[in-house]
Amino acid sequence: MRKIQSIYAVTPGSLWADRSAQGRTVLITAIDGRHAICTTLTNSYDVQRIVNNPSLGNARDMRGTTHRIHLDRFRPTHNGFEFVTATAHHLSALLSGTR
């Protein structure tokens, strides 16, 4: 079976969209071996809808949280991540509140 590869490098400062959670984007802050250290910039559409209207259920606002994601997930598969831009590093200041 042939593995689908991404044509974009996973580098600190790049922005990626989660294909399995539409609307969720992550900013790569560092690479640690075979994992990317990522900060969630936007919630998925489903999570954000519930965060905006708590009467719909319980959902945790994930914006600003840090995750380790295996580098193999940064490729265009149904549960992978899609490349958005390589120049989103400036967005990390918006999360930390230091402009």
PDB file of N, CA and C in Angstrom:
ATOM      1  N   MET A   1       0.842  -1.181   0.000  1.00  0.00           N
ATOM      2  CA  MET A   1       0.000   0.000   0.000  1.00  0.00           C
ATOM      3  C   MET A   1       0.889   1.247   0.000  1.00  0.00           C
ATOM      4  N   ARG A   2       0.602   2.168  -0.883  1.00  0.00           N
ATOM      5  CA  ARG A   2       1.384   3.384  -0.989  1.00  0.00           C
ATOM      6  C   ARG A   2       0.862   4.444  -0.032  1.00  0.00           C
ATOM      7  N   LYS A   3       1.776   5.098   0.674  1.00  0.00           N
ATOM      8  CA  LYS A   3       1.410   6.112   1.644  1.00  0.00           C
ATOM      9  C   LYS A   3       1.324   7.478   0.970  1.00  0.00           C
ATOM     10  N   ILE A   4       0.270   8.235   1.265  1.00  0.00           N
ATOM     11  CA  ILE A   4       0.124   9.590   0.727  1.00  0.00           C
ATOM     12  C   ILE A   4       1.018  10.519   1.533  1.00  0.00           C
ATOM     13  N   GLN A   5       1.848  11.264   0.838  1.00  0.00           N
ATOM     14  CA  GLN A   5       2.753  12.209   1.481  1.00  0.00           C
ATOM     15  C   GLN A   5       2.258  13.631   1.252  1.00  0.00           C
ATOM     16  N   SER A   6       2.574  14.510   2.188  1.00  0.00           N
ATOM     17  CA  SER A   6       2.278  15.923   2.009  1.00  0.00           C
ATOM     18  C   SER A   6       3.379  16.539   1.145  1.00  0.00           C
ATOM     19  N   ILE A   7       3.010  17.511   0.337  1.00  0.00           N
ATOM     20  CA  ILE A   7       4.027  18.192  -0.460  1.00  0.00           C
ATOM     21  C   ILE A   7       4.566  19.408   0.284  1.00  0.00           C
ATOM     22  N   TYR A   8       4.012  19.693   1.464  1.00  0.00           N
ATOM     23  CA  TYR A   8       4.431  20.840   2.266  1.00  0.00           C
ATOM     24  C   TYR A   8       5.202  20.373   3.492  1.00  0.00           C
ATOM     25  N   ALA A   9       6.236  21.112   3.842  1.00  0.00           N
ATOM     26  CA  ALA A   9       7.029  20.787   5.022  1.00  0.00           C
ATOM     27  C   ALA A   9       6.282  21.244   6.273  1.00  0.00           C
ATOM     28  N   VAL A  10       6.352  20.418   7.301  1.00  0.00           N
ATOM     29  CA  VAL A  10       5.776  20.778   8.595  1.00  0.00           C
ATOM     30  C   VAL A  10       6.857  21.545   9.340  1.00  0.00           C
ATOM     31  N   THR A  11       6.685  22.860   9.428  1.00  0.00           N
ATOM     32  CA  THR A  11       7.701  23.717  10.027  1.00  0.00           C
ATOM     33  C   THR A  11       7.072  24.636  11.064  1.00  0.00           C
ATOM     34  N   PRO A  12       7.852  25.052  12.060  1.00  0.00           N
ATOM     35  CA  PRO A  12       7.323  26.020  13.028  1.00  0.00           C
ATOM     36  C   PRO A  12       6.842  27.279  12.312  1.00  0.00           C
ATOM     37  N   GLY A  13       5.679  27.745  12.707  1.00  0.00           N
ATOM     38  CA  GLY A  13       5.076  28.916  12.082  1.00  0.00           C
ATOM     39  C   GLY A  13       4.068  28.592  11.008  1.00  0.00           C
ATOM     40  N   SER A  14       3.954  27.314  10.611  1.00  0.00           N
ATOM     41  CA  SER A  14       2.985  26.958   9.574  1.00  0.00           C
ATOM     42  C   SER A  14       1.617  26.677  10.190  1.00  0.00           C
ATOM     43  N   LEU A  15       0.593  26.941   9.416  1.00  0.00           N
ATOM     44  CA  LEU A  15      -0.792  26.778   9.847  1.00  0.00           C
ATOM     45  C   LEU A  15      -1.421  25.628   9.075  1.00  0.00           C
ATOM     46  N   TRP A  16      -2.156  24.771   9.786  1.00  0.00           N
ATOM     47  CA  TRP A  16      -2.772  23.589   9.187  1.00  0.00           C
ATOM     48  C   TRP A  16      -4.225  23.480   9.625  1.00  0.00           C
ATOM     49  N   ALA A  17      -5.083  22.974   8.735  1.00  0.00           N
ATOM     50  CA  ALA A  17      -6.502  22.764   9.018  1.00  0.00           C
ATOM     51  C   ALA A  17      -6.754  21.277   9.224  1.00  0.00           C
ATOM     52  N   ASP A  18      -7.496  20.954  10.263  1.00  0.00           N
ATOM     53  CA  ASP A  18      -7.838  19.568  10.599  1.00  0.00           C
ATOM     54  C   ASP A  18      -8.971  19.103   9.691  1.00  0.00           C
ATOM     55  N   ARG A  19      -8.729  18.072   8.904  1.00  0.00           N
ATOM     56  CA  ARG A  19      -9.748  17.583   7.967  1.00  0.00           C
ATOM     57  C   ARG A  19     -10.839  16.770   8.656  1.00  0.00           C
ATOM     58  N   SER A  20     -10.569  16.234   9.842  1.00  0.00           N
ATOM     59  CA  SER A  20     -11.587  15.439  10.535  1.00  0.00           C
ATOM     60  C   SER A  20     -12.435  16.280  11.479  1.00  0.00           C
ATOM     61  N   ALA A  21     -12.016  17.500  11.775  1.00  0.00           N
ATOM     62  CA  ALA A  21     -12.780  18.419  12.630  1.00  0.00           C
ATOM     63  C   ALA A  21     -12.853  19.752  11.883  1.00  0.00           C
ATOM     64  N   GLN A  22     -13.786  19.865  10.958  1.00  0.00           N
ATOM     65  CA  GLN A  22     -13.898  21.032  10.086  1.00  0.00           C
ATOM     66  C   GLN A  22     -13.925  22.326  10.894  1.00  0.00           C
ATOM     67  N   GLY A  23     -13.076  23.271  10.491  1.00  0.00           N
ATOM     68  CA  GLY A  23     -12.997  24.555  11.158  1.00  0.00           C
ATOM     69  C   GLY A  23     -11.836  24.671  12.130  1.00  0.00           C
ATOM     70  N   ARG A  24     -11.304  23.537  12.598  1.00  0.00           N
ATOM     71  CA  ARG A  24     -10.200  23.567  13.552  1.00  0.00           C
ATOM     72  C   ARG A  24      -8.887  23.816  12.817  1.00  0.00           C
ATOM     73  N   THR A  25      -8.112  24.773  13.321  1.00  0.00           N
ATOM     74  CA  THR A  25      -6.795  25.035  12.761  1.00  0.00           C
ATOM     75  C   THR A  25      -5.762  24.983  13.879  1.00  0.00           C
ATOM     76  N   VAL A  26      -4.564  24.548  13.516  1.00  0.00           N
ATOM     77  CA  VAL A  26      -3.467  24.476  14.478  1.00  0.00           C
ATOM     78  C   VAL A  26      -2.240  25.177  13.907  1.00  0.00           C
ATOM     79  N   LEU A  27      -1.496  25.806  14.804  1.00  0.00           N
ATOM     80  CA  LEU A  27      -0.254  26.482  14.464  1.00  0.00           C
ATOM     81  C   LEU A  27       0.897  25.633  14.982  1.00  0.00           C
ATOM     82  N   ILE A  28       1.826  25.289  14.116  1.00  0.00           N
ATOM     83  CA  ILE A  28       2.995  24.508  14.523  1.00  0.00           C
ATOM     84  C   ILE A  28       3.949  25.447  15.264  1.00  0.00           C
ATOM     85  N   THR A  29       4.263  25.115  16.516  1.00  0.00           N
ATOM     86  CA  THR A  29       5.185  25.957  17.287  1.00  0.00           C
ATOM     87  C   THR A  29       6.571  25.346  17.373  1.00  0.00           C
ATOM     88  N   ALA A  30       6.681  24.022  17.245  1.00  0.00           N
ATOM     89  CA  ALA A  30       7.991  23.357  17.303  1.00  0.00           C
ATOM     90  C   ALA A  30       7.857  21.943  16.748  1.00  0.00           C
ATOM     91  N   ILE A  31       8.993  21.356  16.421  1.00  0.00           N
ATOM     92  CA  ILE A  31       9.069  19.959  16.004  1.00  0.00           C
ATOM     93  C   ILE A  31       9.890  19.236  17.057  1.00  0.00           C
ATOM     94  N   ASP A  32       9.355  18.119  17.564  1.00  0.00           N
ATOM     95  CA  ASP A  32      10.014  17.334  18.603  1.00  0.00           C
ATOM     96  C   ASP A  32      10.095  15.887  18.123  1.00  0.00           C
ATOM     97  N   GLY A  33      11.200  15.545  17.470  1.00  0.00           N
ATOM     98  CA  GLY A  33      11.352  14.184  16.938  1.00  0.00           C
ATOM     99  C   GLY A  33      10.342  13.924  15.843  1.00  0.00           C
ATOM    100  N   ARG A  34       9.446  12.967  16.087  1.00  0.00           N
ATOM    101  CA  ARG A  34       8.430  12.591  15.097  1.00  0.00           C
ATOM    102  C   ARG A  34       7.089  13.259  15.363  1.00  0.00           C
ATOM    103  N   HIS A  35       7.077  14.271  16.234  1.00  0.00           N
ATOM    104  CA  HIS A  35       5.840  14.965  16.580  1.00  0.00           C
ATOM    105  C   HIS A  35       5.971  16.468  16.346  1.00  0.00           C
ATOM    106  N   ALA A  36       4.838  17.069  16.049  1.00  0.00           N
ATOM    107  CA  ALA A  36       4.751  18.527  15.961  1.00  0.00           C
ATOM    108  C   ALA A  36       4.083  19.014  17.236  1.00  0.00           C
ATOM    109  N   ILE A  37       4.629  20.056  17.824  1.00  0.00           N
ATOM    110  CA  ILE A  37       4.003  20.704  18.963  1.00  0.00           C
ATOM    111  C   ILE A  37       3.113  21.789  18.368  1.00  0.00           C
ATOM    112  N   CYS A  38       1.811  21.707  18.629  1.00  0.00           N
ATOM    113  CA  CYS A  38       0.834  22.575  17.979  1.00  0.00           C
ATOM    114  C   CYS A  38      -0.010  23.322  18.999  1.00  0.00           C
ATOM    115  N   THR A  39      -0.413  24.519  18.633  1.00  0.00           N
ATOM    116  CA  THR A  39      -1.351  25.304  19.421  1.00  0.00           C
ATOM    117  C   THR A  39      -2.624  25.445  18.607  1.00  0.00           C
ATOM    118  N   THR A  40      -3.757  25.128  19.216  1.00  0.00           N
ATOM    119  CA  THR A  40      -5.037  25.247  18.529  1.00  0.00           C
ATOM    120  C   THR A  40      -5.421  26.715  18.419  1.00  0.00           C
ATOM    121  N   LEU A  41      -5.643  27.174  17.188  1.00  0.00           N
ATOM    122  CA  LEU A  41      -6.042  28.567  16.963  1.00  0.00           C
ATOM    123  C   LEU A  41      -7.549  28.732  16.908  1.00  0.00           C
ATOM    124  N   THR A  42      -8.230  27.800  16.237  1.00  0.00           N
ATOM    125  CA  THR A  42      -9.685  27.883  16.133  1.00  0.00           C
ATOM    126  C   THR A  42     -10.301  26.533  16.462  1.00  0.00           C
ATOM    127  N   ASN A  43     -11.456  26.572  17.097  1.00  0.00           N
ATOM    128  CA  ASN A  43     -12.211  25.360  17.390  1.00  0.00           C
ATOM    129  C   ASN A  43     -12.841  24.821  16.111  1.00  0.00           C
ATOM    130  N   SER A  44     -13.244  23.569  16.154  1.00  0.00           N
ATOM    131  CA  SER A  44     -14.037  23.042  15.044  1.00  0.00           C
ATOM    132  C   SER A  44     -15.383  23.767  15.059  1.00  0.00           C
ATOM    133  N   TYR A  45     -16.068  23.738  13.939  1.00  0.00           N
ATOM    134  CA  TYR A  45     -17.362  24.417  13.852  1.00  0.00           C
ATOM    135  C   TYR A  45     -18.339  23.872  14.888  1.00  0.00           C
ATOM    136  N   ASP A  46     -18.360  22.553  15.088  1.00  0.00           N
ATOM    137  CA  ASP A  46     -19.273  21.944  16.059  1.00  0.00           C
ATOM    138  C   ASP A  46     -18.973  22.394  17.478  1.00  0.00           C
ATOM    139  N   VAL A  47     -17.707  22.385  17.852  1.00  0.00           N
ATOM    140  CA  VAL A  47     -17.325  22.806  19.208  1.00  0.00           C
ATOM    141  C   VAL A  47     -17.640  24.288  19.400  1.00  0.00           C
ATOM    142  N   GLN A  48     -17.319  25.115  18.428  1.00  0.00           N
ATOM    143  CA  GLN A  48     -17.562  26.553  18.572  1.00  0.00           C
ATOM    144  C   GLN A  48     -19.042  26.863  18.696  1.00  0.00           C
ATOM    145  N   ARG A  49     -19.887  26.128  17.973  1.00  0.00           N
ATOM    146  CA  ARG A  49     -21.340  26.327  18.065  1.00  0.00           C
ATOM    147  C   ARG A  49     -21.820  26.074  19.487  1.00  0.00           C
ATOM    148  N   ILE A  50     -21.294  25.041  20.144  1.00  0.00           N
ATOM    149  CA  ILE A  50     -21.694  24.721  21.516  1.00  0.00           C
ATOM    150  C   ILE A  50     -21.088  25.712  22.506  1.00  0.00           C
ATOM    151  N   VAL A  51     -19.836  26.126  22.276  1.00  0.00           N
ATOM    152  CA  VAL A  51     -19.211  27.129  23.149  1.00  0.00           C
ATOM    153  C   VAL A  51     -20.029  28.419  23.112  1.00  0.00           C
ATOM    154  N   ASN A  52     -20.507  28.799  21.940  1.00  0.00           N
ATOM    155  CA  ASN A  52     -21.302  30.020  21.790  1.00  0.00           C
ATOM    156  C   ASN A  52     -22.692  29.895  22.399  1.00  0.00           C
ATOM    157  N   ASN A  53     -23.217  28.674  22.484  1.00  0.00           N
ATOM    158  CA  ASN A  53     -24.558  28.446  23.018  1.00  0.00           C
ATOM    159  C   ASN A  53     -24.519  27.232  23.948  1.00  0.00           C
ATOM    160  N   PRO A  54     -24.139  27.423  25.230  1.00  0.00           N
ATOM    161  CA  PRO A  54     -23.968  26.296  26.161  1.00  0.00           C
ATOM    162  C   PRO A  54     -25.225  25.454  26.381  1.00  0.00           C
ATOM    163  N   SER A  55     -26.403  25.976  26.038  1.00  0.00           N
ATOM    164  CA  SER A  55     -27.616  25.179  26.213  1.00  0.00           C
ATOM    165  C   SER A  55     -27.648  23.984  25.257  1.00  0.00           C
ATOM    166  N   LEU A  56     -26.773  23.980  24.242  1.00  0.00           N
ATOM    167  CA  LEU A  56     -26.712  22.866  23.285  1.00  0.00           C
ATOM    168  C   LEU A  56     -25.929  21.678  23.821  1.00  0.00           C
ATOM    169  N   GLY A  57     -25.167  21.876  24.883  1.00  0.00           N
ATOM    170  CA  GLY A  57     -24.379  20.774  25.446  1.00  0.00           C
ATOM    171  C   GLY A  57     -23.108  21.282  26.088  1.00  0.00           C
ATOM    172  N   ASN A  58     -22.238  20.355  26.439  1.00  0.00           N
ATOM    173  CA  ASN A  58     -20.953  20.692  27.043  1.00  0.00           C
ATOM    174  C   ASN A  58     -19.856  20.557  26.001  1.00  0.00           C
ATOM    175  N   ALA A  59     -19.047  21.596  25.879  1.00  0.00           N
ATOM    176  CA  ALA A  59     -17.887  21.553  24.996  1.00  0.00           C
ATOM    177  C   ALA A  59     -16.827  22.461  25.594  1.00  0.00           C
ATOM    178  N   ARG A  60     -15.611  22.014  25.523  1.00  0.00           N
ATOM    179  CA  ARG A  60     -14.488  22.788  26.046  1.00  0.00           C
ATOM    180  C   ARG A  60     -13.887  23.637  24.933  1.00  0.00           C
ATOM    181  N   ASP A  61     -13.693  24.906  25.209  1.00  0.00           N
ATOM    182  CA  ASP A  61     -13.049  25.800  24.253  1.00  0.00           C
ATOM    183  C   ASP A  61     -11.578  25.389  24.173  1.00  0.00           C
ATOM    184  N   MET A  62     -11.140  24.926  23.011  1.00  0.00           N
ATOM    185  CA  MET A  62      -9.797  24.388  22.846  1.00  0.00           C
ATOM    186  C   MET A  62      -8.795  25.413  22.335  1.00  0.00           C
ATOM    187  N   ARG A  63      -9.231  26.628  22.048  1.00  0.00           N
ATOM    188  CA  ARG A  63      -8.321  27.651  21.532  1.00  0.00           C
ATOM    189  C   ARG A  63      -7.230  27.931  22.557  1.00  0.00           C
ATOM    190  N   GLY A  64      -5.977  27.927  22.087  1.00  0.00           N
ATOM    191  CA  GLY A  64      -4.838  28.201  22.953  1.00  0.00           C
ATOM    192  C   GLY A  64      -4.225  26.973  23.609  1.00  0.00           C
ATOM    193  N   THR A  65      -4.844  25.809  23.455  1.00  0.00           N
ATOM    194  CA  THR A  65      -4.287  24.596  24.049  1.00  0.00           C
ATOM    195  C   THR A  65      -3.164  24.042  23.169  1.00  0.00           C
ATOM    196  N   THR A  66      -2.242  23.342  23.802  1.00  0.00           N
ATOM    197  CA  THR A  66      -1.087  22.770  23.103  1.00  0.00           C
ATOM    198  C   THR A  66      -1.240  21.265  23.000  1.00  0.00           C
ATOM    199  N   HIS A  67      -0.861  20.721  21.840  1.00  0.00           N
ATOM    200  CA  HIS A  67      -0.962  19.285  21.583  1.00  0.00           C
ATOM    201  C   HIS A  67       0.280  18.791  20.860  1.00  0.00           C
ATOM    202  N   ARG A  68       0.590  17.503  21.027  1.00  0.00           N
ATOM    203  CA  ARG A  68       1.622  16.826  20.240  1.00  0.00           C
ATOM    204  C   ARG A  68       0.906  15.973  19.208  1.00  0.00           C
ATOM    205  N   ILE A  69       1.202  16.220  17.950  1.00  0.00           N
ATOM    206  CA  ILE A  69       0.552  15.479  16.869  1.00  0.00           C
ATOM    207  C   ILE A  69       1.637  14.829  16.024  1.00  0.00           C
ATOM    208  N   HIS A  70       1.471  13.534  15.749  1.00  0.00           N
ATOM    209  CA  HIS A  70       2.445  12.783  14.962  1.00  0.00           C
ATOM    210  C   HIS A  70       2.560  13.400  13.566  1.00  0.00           C
ATOM    211  N   LEU A  71       3.775  13.527  13.082  1.00  0.00           N
ATOM    212  CA  LEU A  71       4.034  14.151  11.782  1.00  0.00           C
ATOM    213  C   LEU A  71       3.326  13.445  10.627  1.00  0.00           C
ATOM    214  N   ASP A  72       3.066  12.149  10.767  1.00  0.00           N
ATOM    215  CA  ASP A  72       2.367  11.403   9.711  1.00  0.00           C
ATOM    216  C   ASP A  72       0.955  11.921   9.459  1.00  0.00           C
ATOM    217  N   ARG A  73       0.374  12.651  10.408  1.00  0.00           N
ATOM    218  CA  ARG A  73      -0.998  13.158  10.225  1.00  0.00           C
ATOM    219  C   ARG A  73      -1.051  14.403   9.349  1.00  0.00           C
ATOM    220  N   PHE A  74       0.100  14.988   9.033  1.00  0.00           N
ATOM    221  CA  PHE A  74       0.118  16.205   8.230  1.00  0.00           C
ATOM    222  C   PHE A  74       0.207  15.859   6.747  1.00  0.00           C
ATOM    223  N   ARG A  75      -0.881  15.253   6.257  1.00  0.00           N
ATOM    224  CA  ARG A  75      -1.014  14.876   4.860  1.00  0.00           C
ATOM    225  C   ARG A  75      -2.501  14.853   4.532  1.00  0.00           C
ATOM    226  N   PRO A  76      -2.863  14.999   3.286  1.00  0.00           N
ATOM    227  CA  PRO A  76      -4.276  15.180   2.920  1.00  0.00           C
ATOM    228  C   PRO A  76      -5.087  13.887   2.896  1.00  0.00           C
ATOM    229  N   THR A  77      -5.332  13.311   4.065  1.00  0.00           N
ATOM    230  CA  THR A  77      -6.201  12.141   4.180  1.00  0.00           C
ATOM    231  C   THR A  77      -7.437  12.556   4.970  1.00  0.00           C
ATOM    232  N   HIS A  78      -8.414  11.664   5.090  1.00  0.00           N
ATOM    233  CA  HIS A  78      -9.663  12.036   5.774  1.00  0.00           C
ATOM    234  C   HIS A  78      -9.451  12.396   7.243  1.00  0.00           C
ATOM    235  N   ASN A  79      -8.437  11.864   7.897  1.00  0.00           N
ATOM    236  CA  ASN A  79      -8.182  12.195   9.302  1.00  0.00           C
ATOM    237  C   ASN A  79      -6.859  12.943   9.473  1.00  0.00           C
ATOM    238  N   GLY A  80      -6.382  13.536   8.388  1.00  0.00           N
ATOM    239  CA  GLY A  80      -5.117  14.262   8.436  1.00  0.00           C
ATOM    240  C   GLY A  80      -5.331  15.765   8.525  1.00  0.00           C
ATOM    241  N   PHE A  81      -4.266  16.487   8.229  1.00  0.00           N
ATOM    242  CA  PHE A  81      -4.294  17.945   8.258  1.00  0.00           C
ATOM    243  C   PHE A  81      -3.940  18.477   6.879  1.00  0.00           C
ATOM    244  N   GLU A  82      -4.581  19.570   6.504  1.00  0.00           N
ATOM    245  CA  GLU A  82      -4.359  20.197   5.205  1.00  0.00           C
ATOM    246  C   GLU A  82      -3.564  21.491   5.409  1.00  0.00           C
ATOM    247  N   PHE A  83      -2.553  21.685   4.606  1.00  0.00           N
ATOM    248  CA  PHE A  83      -1.702  22.866   4.694  1.00  0.00           C
ATOM    249  C   PHE A  83      -2.499  24.127   4.361  1.00  0.00           C
ATOM    250  N   VAL A  84      -2.315  25.189   5.181  1.00  0.00           N
ATOM    251  CA  VAL A  84      -2.975  26.469   4.929  1.00  0.00           C
ATOM    252  C   VAL A  84      -1.939  27.509   4.506  1.00  0.00           C
ATOM    253  N   THR A  85      -0.940  27.760   5.341  1.00  0.00           N
ATOM    254  CA  THR A  85       0.097  28.736   5.018  1.00  0.00           C
ATOM    255  C   THR A  85       1.346  28.472   5.848  1.00  0.00           C
ATOM    256  N   ALA A  86       2.481  28.887   5.326  1.00  0.00           N
ATOM    257  CA  ALA A  86       3.747  28.709   6.042  1.00  0.00           C
ATOM    258  C   ALA A  86       4.107  29.946   6.854  1.00  0.00           C
ATOM    259  N   THR A  87       3.317  31.002   6.742  1.00  0.00           N
ATOM    260  CA  THR A  87       3.687  32.270   7.379  1.00  0.00           C
ATOM    261  C   THR A  87       2.646  32.734   8.388  1.00  0.00           C
ATOM    262  N   ALA A  88       2.306  31.891   9.345  1.00  0.00           N
ATOM    263  CA  ALA A  88       1.301  32.242  10.351  1.00  0.00           C
ATOM    264  C   ALA A  88       1.914  32.440  11.728  1.00  0.00           C
ATOM    265  N   HIS A  89       3.243  32.490  11.807  1.00  0.00           N
ATOM    266  CA  HIS A  89       3.918  32.585  13.099  1.00  0.00           C
ATOM    267  C   HIS A  89       3.447  33.790  13.912  1.00  0.00           C
ATOM    268  N   HIS A  90       3.101  34.886  13.247  1.00  0.00           N
ATOM    269  CA  HIS A  90       2.652  36.089  13.937  1.00  0.00           C
ATOM    270  C   HIS A  90       1.367  35.868  14.726  1.00  0.00           C
ATOM    271  N   LEU A  91       0.605  34.836  14.423  1.00  0.00           N
ATOM    272  CA  LEU A  91      -0.644  34.575  15.128  1.00  0.00           C
ATOM    273  C   LEU A  91      -0.434  34.107  16.556  1.00  0.00           C
ATOM    274  N   SER A  92       0.730  33.567  16.894  1.00  0.00           N
ATOM    275  CA  SER A  92       0.973  33.107  18.263  1.00  0.00           C
ATOM    276  C   SER A  92       0.920  34.260  19.253  1.00  0.00           C
ATOM    277  N   ALA A  93       1.262  35.486  18.834  1.00  0.00           N
ATOM    278  CA  ALA A  93       1.171  36.649  19.714  1.00  0.00           C
ATOM    279  C   ALA A  93      -0.273  36.947  20.085  1.00  0.00           C
ATOM    280  N   LEU A  94      -1.206  36.669  19.186  1.00  0.00           N
ATOM    281  CA  LEU A  94      -2.610  36.892  19.487  1.00  0.00           C
ATOM    282  C   LEU A  94      -3.093  35.958  20.590  1.00  0.00           C
ATOM    283  N   LEU A  95      -2.559  34.739  20.630  1.00  0.00           N
ATOM    284  CA  LEU A  95      -2.951  33.782  21.664  1.00  0.00           C
ATOM    285  C   LEU A  95      -2.396  34.150  23.022  1.00  0.00           C
ATOM    286  N   SER A  96      -1.168  34.592  23.055  1.00  0.00           N
ATOM    287  CA  SER A  96      -0.525  34.892  24.337  1.00  0.00           C
ATOM    288  C   SER A  96      -0.889  36.279  24.851  1.00  0.00           C
ATOM    289  N   GLY A  97      -1.500  37.100  23.998  1.00  0.00           N
ATOM    290  CA  GLY A  97      -1.877  38.439  24.406  1.00  0.00           C
ATOM    291  C   GLY A  97      -0.737  39.426  24.368  1.00  0.00           C
ATOM    292  N   THR A  98       0.419  39.035  23.787  1.00  0.00           N
ATOM    293  CA  THR A  98       1.564  39.934  23.691  1.00  0.00           C
ATOM    294  C   THR A  98       1.729  40.391  22.254  1.00  0.00           C
ATOM    295  N   ARG A  99       1.228  41.517  21.929  1.00  0.00           N
ATOM    296  CA  ARG A  99       1.315  42.023  20.552  1.00  0.00           C
ATOM    297  C   ARG A  99       2.489  42.907  20.376  1.00  0.00           C
TER     298      ARG A  99
END
